[in-house]
């Protein structure tokens, strides 16, 4: 049974589900920062997924990155799986712009997170609703 790591649950907002991954939004309005978490039990490394799930994760990641690049007008997309703090396998997909608060450095630890306001969350969800339709299920809210 899939359970989301408590740190991810605390730091993110639920957007919905792809066939394999749960899509989360990092609760930091400084960046459009998304996280994909494969809905598989006790997986901390890519190689622990079977071949089909590895391919699905990569397809969902690249599809999301391409969609976000266009929807949020990115200068660069940052895609990474680190897991040094949260061991549960998760893929960061971050929209970067030259004028963002941390450019060109990594976003981690640059400043305290600036929580999204409800209207900002609604705007992100609406932007995604326009581009994520096929095989994506939005969470209520």
N, C-alpha and C. Protein backbone atom coordinates (compact mmCIF):
# COMPACT_ATOMS: atom_id res chain seq x y z
N UNK A 1 0.84 -1.19 0.00
CA UNK A 1 0.00 0.00 0.00
C UNK A 1 0.89 1.25 0.00
N UNK A 2 0.61 2.18 -0.89
CA UNK A 2 1.39 3.40 -1.03
C UNK A 2 1.06 4.38 0.09
N UNK A 3 2.09 4.91 0.72
CA UNK A 3 1.95 5.95 1.73
C UNK A 3 2.96 7.04 1.41
N UNK A 4 2.50 8.28 1.35
CA UNK A 4 3.38 9.41 1.07
C UNK A 4 4.20 9.74 2.31
N UNK A 5 5.49 9.96 2.12
CA UNK A 5 6.39 10.33 3.20
C UNK A 5 5.84 11.57 3.92
N UNK A 6 5.93 11.59 5.23
CA UNK A 6 5.35 12.68 6.03
C UNK A 6 5.96 14.04 5.70
N UNK A 7 7.23 14.07 5.35
CA UNK A 7 7.88 15.35 5.00
C UNK A 7 7.32 15.89 3.68
N UNK A 8 7.12 15.00 2.70
CA UNK A 8 6.49 15.43 1.44
C UNK A 8 5.06 15.89 1.69
N UNK A 9 4.37 15.16 2.54
CA UNK A 9 2.99 15.53 2.85
C UNK A 9 2.93 16.91 3.50
N UNK A 10 3.88 17.20 4.35
CA UNK A 10 3.93 18.47 5.08
C UNK A 10 4.31 19.65 4.17
N UNK A 11 5.22 19.42 3.22
CA UNK A 11 5.82 20.51 2.44
C UNK A 11 5.17 20.76 1.08
N UNK A 12 4.17 19.95 0.72
CA UNK A 12 3.61 20.03 -0.63
C UNK A 12 2.10 20.13 -0.62
N UNK A 13 1.57 20.44 -1.80
CA UNK A 13 0.13 20.47 -2.03
C UNK A 13 -0.20 19.41 -3.09
N UNK A 14 -1.24 18.65 -2.86
CA UNK A 14 -1.63 17.60 -3.79
C UNK A 14 -2.27 18.21 -5.03
N UNK A 15 -1.77 17.81 -6.20
CA UNK A 15 -2.36 18.25 -7.47
C UNK A 15 -3.20 17.12 -8.07
N UNK A 16 -2.66 15.90 -8.11
CA UNK A 16 -3.41 14.78 -8.67
C UNK A 16 -2.51 13.60 -8.97
N UNK A 17 -2.98 12.74 -9.88
CA UNK A 17 -2.26 11.51 -10.17
C UNK A 17 -2.14 11.24 -11.67
N UNK A 18 -0.94 10.87 -12.08
CA UNK A 18 -0.70 10.23 -13.36
C UNK A 18 -0.92 8.74 -13.14
N UNK A 19 -0.85 7.91 -14.17
CA UNK A 19 -1.03 6.47 -13.95
C UNK A 19 -0.07 5.88 -12.90
N UNK A 20 1.18 6.32 -12.87
CA UNK A 20 2.14 5.80 -11.88
C UNK A 20 2.34 6.76 -10.72
N UNK A 21 2.50 8.02 -10.99
CA UNK A 21 2.97 8.97 -9.97
C UNK A 21 1.89 9.90 -9.43
N UNK A 22 2.06 10.22 -8.17
CA UNK A 22 1.31 11.31 -7.55
C UNK A 22 2.04 12.59 -7.89
N UNK A 23 1.29 13.63 -8.28
CA UNK A 23 1.88 14.93 -8.59
C UNK A 23 1.61 15.90 -7.45
N UNK A 24 2.69 16.45 -6.93
CA UNK A 24 2.63 17.39 -5.82
C UNK A 24 3.23 18.72 -6.25
N UNK A 25 2.80 19.78 -5.61
CA UNK A 25 3.36 21.11 -5.81
C UNK A 25 4.06 21.50 -4.51
N UNK A 26 5.35 21.79 -4.59
CA UNK A 26 6.09 22.24 -3.41
C UNK A 26 5.45 23.55 -2.96
N UNK A 27 5.17 23.68 -1.68
CA UNK A 27 4.50 24.88 -1.18
C UNK A 27 5.50 26.01 -0.99
N UNK A 28 6.06 26.43 -2.13
CA UNK A 28 6.98 27.56 -2.19
C UNK A 28 6.68 28.33 -3.46
N UNK A 29 6.00 29.44 -3.30
CA UNK A 29 5.54 30.22 -4.45
C UNK A 29 6.68 30.93 -5.18
N UNK A 30 7.92 30.78 -4.72
CA UNK A 30 9.05 31.39 -5.40
C UNK A 30 9.34 30.73 -6.74
N UNK A 31 8.92 29.48 -6.88
CA UNK A 31 9.19 28.71 -8.12
C UNK A 31 8.01 27.78 -8.40
N UNK A 32 7.68 27.56 -9.66
CA UNK A 32 6.79 26.45 -9.98
C UNK A 32 7.60 25.15 -9.82
N UNK A 33 7.46 24.50 -8.67
CA UNK A 33 8.30 23.39 -8.26
C UNK A 33 7.39 22.19 -7.99
N UNK A 34 7.47 21.21 -8.84
CA UNK A 34 6.60 20.04 -8.77
C UNK A 34 7.41 18.81 -8.38
N UNK A 35 6.71 17.85 -7.80
CA UNK A 35 7.35 16.60 -7.37
C UNK A 35 6.47 15.44 -7.80
N UNK A 36 7.08 14.48 -8.47
CA UNK A 36 6.41 13.24 -8.86
C UNK A 36 6.86 12.13 -7.92
N UNK A 37 5.90 11.40 -7.36
CA UNK A 37 6.20 10.30 -6.44
C UNK A 37 5.53 9.03 -6.98
N UNK A 38 6.33 8.04 -7.40
CA UNK A 38 5.72 6.78 -7.83
C UNK A 38 4.90 6.18 -6.69
N UNK A 39 3.68 5.78 -6.99
CA UNK A 39 2.81 5.19 -5.97
C UNK A 39 3.16 3.70 -5.81
N UNK A 40 4.32 3.47 -5.26
CA UNK A 40 4.82 2.12 -4.98
C UNK A 40 5.34 2.08 -3.55
N UNK A 41 5.15 0.97 -2.90
CA UNK A 41 5.55 0.78 -1.50
C UNK A 41 7.06 0.60 -1.38
N UNK A 42 7.65 1.27 -0.41
CA UNK A 42 9.04 1.05 0.02
C UNK A 42 10.05 1.12 -1.13
N UNK A 43 9.96 2.18 -1.94
CA UNK A 43 10.91 2.37 -3.03
C UNK A 43 11.69 3.66 -2.77
N UNK A 44 13.02 3.54 -2.71
CA UNK A 44 13.85 4.72 -2.49
C UNK A 44 14.81 4.98 -3.65
N UNK A 45 14.96 4.02 -4.55
CA UNK A 45 15.90 4.15 -5.66
C UNK A 45 15.22 3.81 -6.98
N UNK A 46 15.66 4.46 -8.05
CA UNK A 46 15.10 4.18 -9.38
C UNK A 46 15.19 2.71 -9.75
N UNK A 47 16.31 2.07 -9.44
CA UNK A 47 16.52 0.69 -9.84
C UNK A 47 15.63 -0.29 -9.08
N UNK A 48 14.93 0.17 -8.04
CA UNK A 48 14.00 -0.69 -7.32
C UNK A 48 12.66 -0.81 -8.03
N UNK A 49 12.42 0.06 -8.99
CA UNK A 49 11.21 -0.06 -9.81
C UNK A 49 11.44 -1.12 -10.87
N UNK A 50 10.38 -1.84 -11.24
CA UNK A 50 10.54 -2.77 -12.35
C UNK A 50 10.67 -1.98 -13.65
N UNK A 51 11.02 -2.65 -14.73
CA UNK A 51 11.29 -1.97 -16.00
C UNK A 51 10.10 -1.13 -16.48
N UNK A 52 8.90 -1.68 -16.36
CA UNK A 52 7.72 -0.95 -16.81
C UNK A 52 7.52 0.34 -16.01
N UNK A 53 7.72 0.26 -14.69
CA UNK A 53 7.57 1.45 -13.86
C UNK A 53 8.70 2.46 -14.10
N UNK A 54 9.91 1.98 -14.37
CA UNK A 54 11.00 2.90 -14.72
C UNK A 54 10.65 3.68 -15.98
N UNK A 55 10.13 2.98 -16.98
CA UNK A 55 9.75 3.66 -18.23
C UNK A 55 8.59 4.62 -17.99
N UNK A 56 7.62 4.20 -17.18
CA UNK A 56 6.48 5.08 -16.89
C UNK A 56 6.92 6.33 -16.15
N UNK A 57 7.82 6.17 -15.18
CA UNK A 57 8.33 7.33 -14.44
C UNK A 57 9.02 8.30 -15.39
N UNK A 58 9.85 7.78 -16.27
CA UNK A 58 10.55 8.66 -17.21
C UNK A 58 9.57 9.35 -18.16
N UNK A 59 8.59 8.63 -18.65
CA UNK A 59 7.59 9.23 -19.55
C UNK A 59 6.78 10.31 -18.83
N UNK A 60 6.36 10.04 -17.61
CA UNK A 60 5.58 11.03 -16.87
C UNK A 60 6.45 12.25 -16.53
N UNK A 61 7.71 12.02 -16.21
CA UNK A 61 8.62 13.12 -15.90
C UNK A 61 8.86 14.00 -17.12
N UNK A 62 9.16 13.39 -18.25
CA UNK A 62 9.45 14.20 -19.44
C UNK A 62 8.19 14.89 -19.96
N UNK A 63 7.07 14.21 -19.87
CA UNK A 63 5.80 14.85 -20.27
C UNK A 63 5.51 16.05 -19.39
N UNK A 64 5.68 15.89 -18.07
CA UNK A 64 5.44 16.99 -17.16
C UNK A 64 6.41 18.14 -17.42
N UNK A 65 7.70 17.83 -17.56
CA UNK A 65 8.70 18.87 -17.80
C UNK A 65 8.39 19.67 -19.07
N UNK A 66 8.05 18.97 -20.13
CA UNK A 66 7.72 19.65 -21.38
C UNK A 66 6.48 20.53 -21.21
N UNK A 67 5.48 20.02 -20.54
CA UNK A 67 4.25 20.77 -20.31
C UNK A 67 4.52 22.01 -19.47
N UNK A 68 5.30 21.85 -18.41
CA UNK A 68 5.60 22.98 -17.53
C UNK A 68 6.46 24.03 -18.21
N UNK A 69 7.40 23.58 -19.03
CA UNK A 69 8.27 24.53 -19.75
C UNK A 69 7.44 25.49 -20.57
N UNK A 70 6.45 24.97 -21.27
CA UNK A 70 5.58 25.81 -22.09
C UNK A 70 4.59 26.61 -21.23
N UNK A 71 3.95 25.95 -20.27
CA UNK A 71 2.90 26.59 -19.48
C UNK A 71 3.43 27.71 -18.58
N UNK A 72 4.66 27.56 -18.10
CA UNK A 72 5.22 28.55 -17.17
C UNK A 72 6.39 29.33 -17.78
N UNK A 73 6.61 29.19 -19.08
CA UNK A 73 7.62 29.93 -19.83
C UNK A 73 9.00 29.85 -19.14
N UNK A 74 9.50 28.64 -19.07
CA UNK A 74 10.78 28.38 -18.39
C UNK A 74 11.96 28.76 -19.28
N UNK A 75 13.03 29.24 -18.64
CA UNK A 75 14.31 29.37 -19.32
C UNK A 75 15.06 28.05 -19.27
N UNK A 76 14.83 27.29 -18.20
CA UNK A 76 15.48 25.99 -18.01
C UNK A 76 14.62 25.13 -17.10
N UNK A 77 14.57 23.85 -17.37
CA UNK A 77 13.88 22.91 -16.49
C UNK A 77 14.91 22.13 -15.69
N UNK A 78 14.73 22.10 -14.37
CA UNK A 78 15.59 21.29 -13.50
C UNK A 78 14.83 20.03 -13.15
N UNK A 79 15.42 18.89 -13.42
CA UNK A 79 14.81 17.59 -13.13
C UNK A 79 15.84 16.79 -12.34
N UNK A 80 15.42 16.30 -11.15
CA UNK A 80 16.38 15.59 -10.31
C UNK A 80 15.68 14.67 -9.33
N UNK A 81 16.35 13.59 -9.01
CA UNK A 81 15.96 12.73 -7.90
C UNK A 81 17.15 12.64 -6.97
N UNK A 82 17.00 13.17 -5.75
CA UNK A 82 18.11 13.21 -4.81
C UNK A 82 17.86 12.29 -3.62
N UNK A 83 16.85 12.58 -2.84
CA UNK A 83 16.48 11.71 -1.74
C UNK A 83 17.43 11.70 -0.56
N UNK A 84 18.20 12.75 -0.38
CA UNK A 84 19.11 12.80 0.76
C UNK A 84 18.36 13.10 2.06
N UNK A 85 17.28 13.84 2.00
CA UNK A 85 16.49 14.16 3.19
C UNK A 85 15.27 13.25 3.26
N UNK A 86 14.57 13.11 2.15
CA UNK A 86 13.40 12.22 2.06
C UNK A 86 13.81 11.02 1.23
N UNK A 87 13.85 9.85 1.84
CA UNK A 87 14.35 8.68 1.12
C UNK A 87 13.34 8.11 0.12
N UNK A 88 12.05 8.37 0.29
CA UNK A 88 11.06 7.87 -0.65
C UNK A 88 11.38 8.41 -2.05
N UNK A 89 11.40 7.54 -3.04
CA UNK A 89 11.72 7.96 -4.40
C UNK A 89 10.77 9.07 -4.84
N UNK A 90 11.35 10.17 -5.27
CA UNK A 90 10.55 11.29 -5.80
C UNK A 90 11.41 12.07 -6.79
N UNK A 91 10.76 12.61 -7.78
CA UNK A 91 11.42 13.34 -8.86
C UNK A 91 11.01 14.81 -8.79
N UNK A 92 12.00 15.68 -8.63
CA UNK A 92 11.75 17.12 -8.65
C UNK A 92 11.71 17.59 -10.10
N UNK A 93 10.72 18.38 -10.45
CA UNK A 93 10.61 18.99 -11.77
C UNK A 93 10.33 20.48 -11.52
N UNK A 94 11.37 21.28 -11.73
CA UNK A 94 11.32 22.68 -11.30
C UNK A 94 11.49 23.61 -12.50
N UNK A 95 10.56 24.55 -12.61
CA UNK A 95 10.63 25.58 -13.64
C UNK A 95 11.59 26.65 -13.17
N UNK A 96 12.62 26.92 -13.96
CA UNK A 96 13.58 27.95 -13.61
C UNK A 96 13.52 29.09 -14.62
N UNK A 97 13.63 30.29 -14.08
CA UNK A 97 13.68 31.49 -14.90
C UNK A 97 14.88 32.31 -14.47
N UNK A 98 15.46 33.02 -15.41
CA UNK A 98 16.65 33.83 -15.09
C UNK A 98 16.39 34.85 -13.98
N UNK A 99 15.14 35.27 -13.84
CA UNK A 99 14.83 36.27 -12.81
C UNK A 99 14.35 35.65 -11.49
N UNK A 100 14.39 34.31 -11.35
CA UNK A 100 13.92 33.74 -10.10
C UNK A 100 14.90 34.00 -8.95
N UNK A 101 14.45 33.79 -7.74
CA UNK A 101 15.19 34.18 -6.53
C UNK A 101 16.55 33.51 -6.37
N UNK A 102 16.76 32.36 -6.99
CA UNK A 102 18.01 31.63 -6.79
C UNK A 102 18.88 31.53 -8.04
N UNK A 103 18.40 31.97 -9.18
CA UNK A 103 19.11 31.80 -10.46
C UNK A 103 20.55 32.30 -10.34
N UNK A 104 21.52 31.59 -10.83
CA UNK A 104 21.48 30.29 -11.49
C UNK A 104 21.75 29.13 -10.53
N UNK A 105 21.81 29.41 -9.24
CA UNK A 105 22.11 28.37 -8.24
C UNK A 105 20.91 27.44 -8.04
N UNK A 106 21.11 26.32 -7.36
CA UNK A 106 19.98 25.44 -7.03
C UNK A 106 18.98 26.15 -6.13
N UNK A 107 17.74 25.67 -6.14
CA UNK A 107 16.68 26.30 -5.34
C UNK A 107 16.73 25.88 -3.87
N UNK A 108 17.35 24.75 -3.57
CA UNK A 108 17.36 24.23 -2.20
C UNK A 108 18.11 25.15 -1.26
N UNK A 109 17.45 25.51 -0.15
CA UNK A 109 18.10 26.24 0.92
C UNK A 109 18.47 27.68 0.61
N UNK A 110 17.96 28.25 -0.45
CA UNK A 110 18.32 29.63 -0.80
C UNK A 110 17.60 30.65 0.05
N UNK A 111 16.40 30.35 0.46
CA UNK A 111 15.59 31.27 1.25
C UNK A 111 14.46 30.48 1.89
N UNK A 112 13.83 31.03 2.91
CA UNK A 112 12.67 30.34 3.49
C UNK A 112 11.55 30.23 2.45
N UNK A 113 10.84 29.11 2.48
CA UNK A 113 9.73 28.92 1.54
C UNK A 113 8.66 29.99 1.76
N UNK A 114 8.12 30.46 0.64
CA UNK A 114 7.04 31.45 0.68
C UNK A 114 5.77 30.70 0.28
N UNK A 115 4.92 30.39 1.26
CA UNK A 115 3.72 29.58 1.01
C UNK A 115 2.80 30.22 -0.02
N UNK A 116 2.18 29.37 -0.81
CA UNK A 116 1.20 29.83 -1.80
C UNK A 116 -0.03 30.38 -1.10
N UNK A 117 -0.59 31.45 -1.64
CA UNK A 117 -1.90 31.95 -1.24
C UNK A 117 -2.95 31.11 -1.97
N UNK A 118 -4.15 30.98 -1.41
CA UNK A 118 -5.18 30.15 -2.06
C UNK A 118 -5.44 30.51 -3.52
N UNK A 119 -5.43 31.80 -3.84
CA UNK A 119 -5.69 32.20 -5.24
C UNK A 119 -4.52 31.80 -6.15
N UNK A 120 -3.30 31.77 -5.63
CA UNK A 120 -2.16 31.33 -6.42
C UNK A 120 -2.26 29.83 -6.71
N UNK A 121 -2.67 29.06 -5.72
CA UNK A 121 -2.85 27.61 -5.92
C UNK A 121 -3.92 27.37 -6.98
N UNK A 122 -5.02 28.10 -6.89
CA UNK A 122 -6.09 27.96 -7.87
C UNK A 122 -5.59 28.30 -9.27
N UNK A 123 -4.75 29.31 -9.39
CA UNK A 123 -4.20 29.70 -10.69
C UNK A 123 -3.28 28.63 -11.25
N UNK A 124 -2.44 28.02 -10.40
CA UNK A 124 -1.56 26.93 -10.86
C UNK A 124 -2.41 25.75 -11.32
N UNK A 125 -3.41 25.37 -10.53
CA UNK A 125 -4.28 24.25 -10.91
C UNK A 125 -4.98 24.53 -12.25
N UNK A 126 -5.47 25.76 -12.42
CA UNK A 126 -6.17 26.10 -13.66
C UNK A 126 -5.22 26.04 -14.84
N UNK A 127 -4.02 26.54 -14.68
CA UNK A 127 -3.04 26.49 -15.77
C UNK A 127 -2.76 25.04 -16.16
N UNK A 128 -2.66 24.17 -15.16
CA UNK A 128 -2.41 22.75 -15.44
C UNK A 128 -3.63 22.07 -16.05
N UNK A 129 -4.83 22.48 -15.63
CA UNK A 129 -6.06 21.89 -16.20
C UNK A 129 -6.13 22.11 -17.72
N UNK A 130 -5.57 23.20 -18.16
CA UNK A 130 -5.59 23.52 -19.59
C UNK A 130 -4.65 22.62 -20.39
N UNK A 131 -3.64 22.07 -19.74
CA UNK A 131 -2.63 21.31 -20.49
C UNK A 131 -2.50 19.84 -20.08
N UNK A 132 -2.95 19.47 -18.88
CA UNK A 132 -2.88 18.07 -18.44
C UNK A 132 -4.28 17.47 -18.46
N UNK A 133 -4.59 16.76 -19.51
CA UNK A 133 -5.93 16.18 -19.59
C UNK A 133 -5.86 14.67 -19.74
N UNK A 134 -5.10 14.21 -20.69
CA UNK A 134 -5.03 12.79 -20.98
C UNK A 134 -4.38 12.03 -19.83
N UNK A 135 -5.05 11.03 -19.33
CA UNK A 135 -4.62 10.11 -18.26
C UNK A 135 -4.12 10.78 -16.99
N UNK A 136 -4.56 12.01 -16.72
CA UNK A 136 -4.23 12.67 -15.47
C UNK A 136 -5.51 12.91 -14.70
N UNK A 137 -5.51 12.60 -13.41
CA UNK A 137 -6.67 12.76 -12.56
C UNK A 137 -6.38 13.83 -11.51
N UNK A 138 -7.08 14.96 -11.59
CA UNK A 138 -6.88 16.04 -10.64
C UNK A 138 -7.52 15.69 -9.30
N UNK A 139 -6.85 16.06 -8.22
CA UNK A 139 -7.40 15.93 -6.88
C UNK A 139 -8.42 17.03 -6.65
N UNK A 140 -9.34 16.78 -5.79
CA UNK A 140 -10.32 17.82 -5.45
C UNK A 140 -9.62 18.94 -4.68
N UNK A 141 -10.07 20.16 -4.92
CA UNK A 141 -9.49 21.27 -4.16
C UNK A 141 -8.92 22.30 -4.96
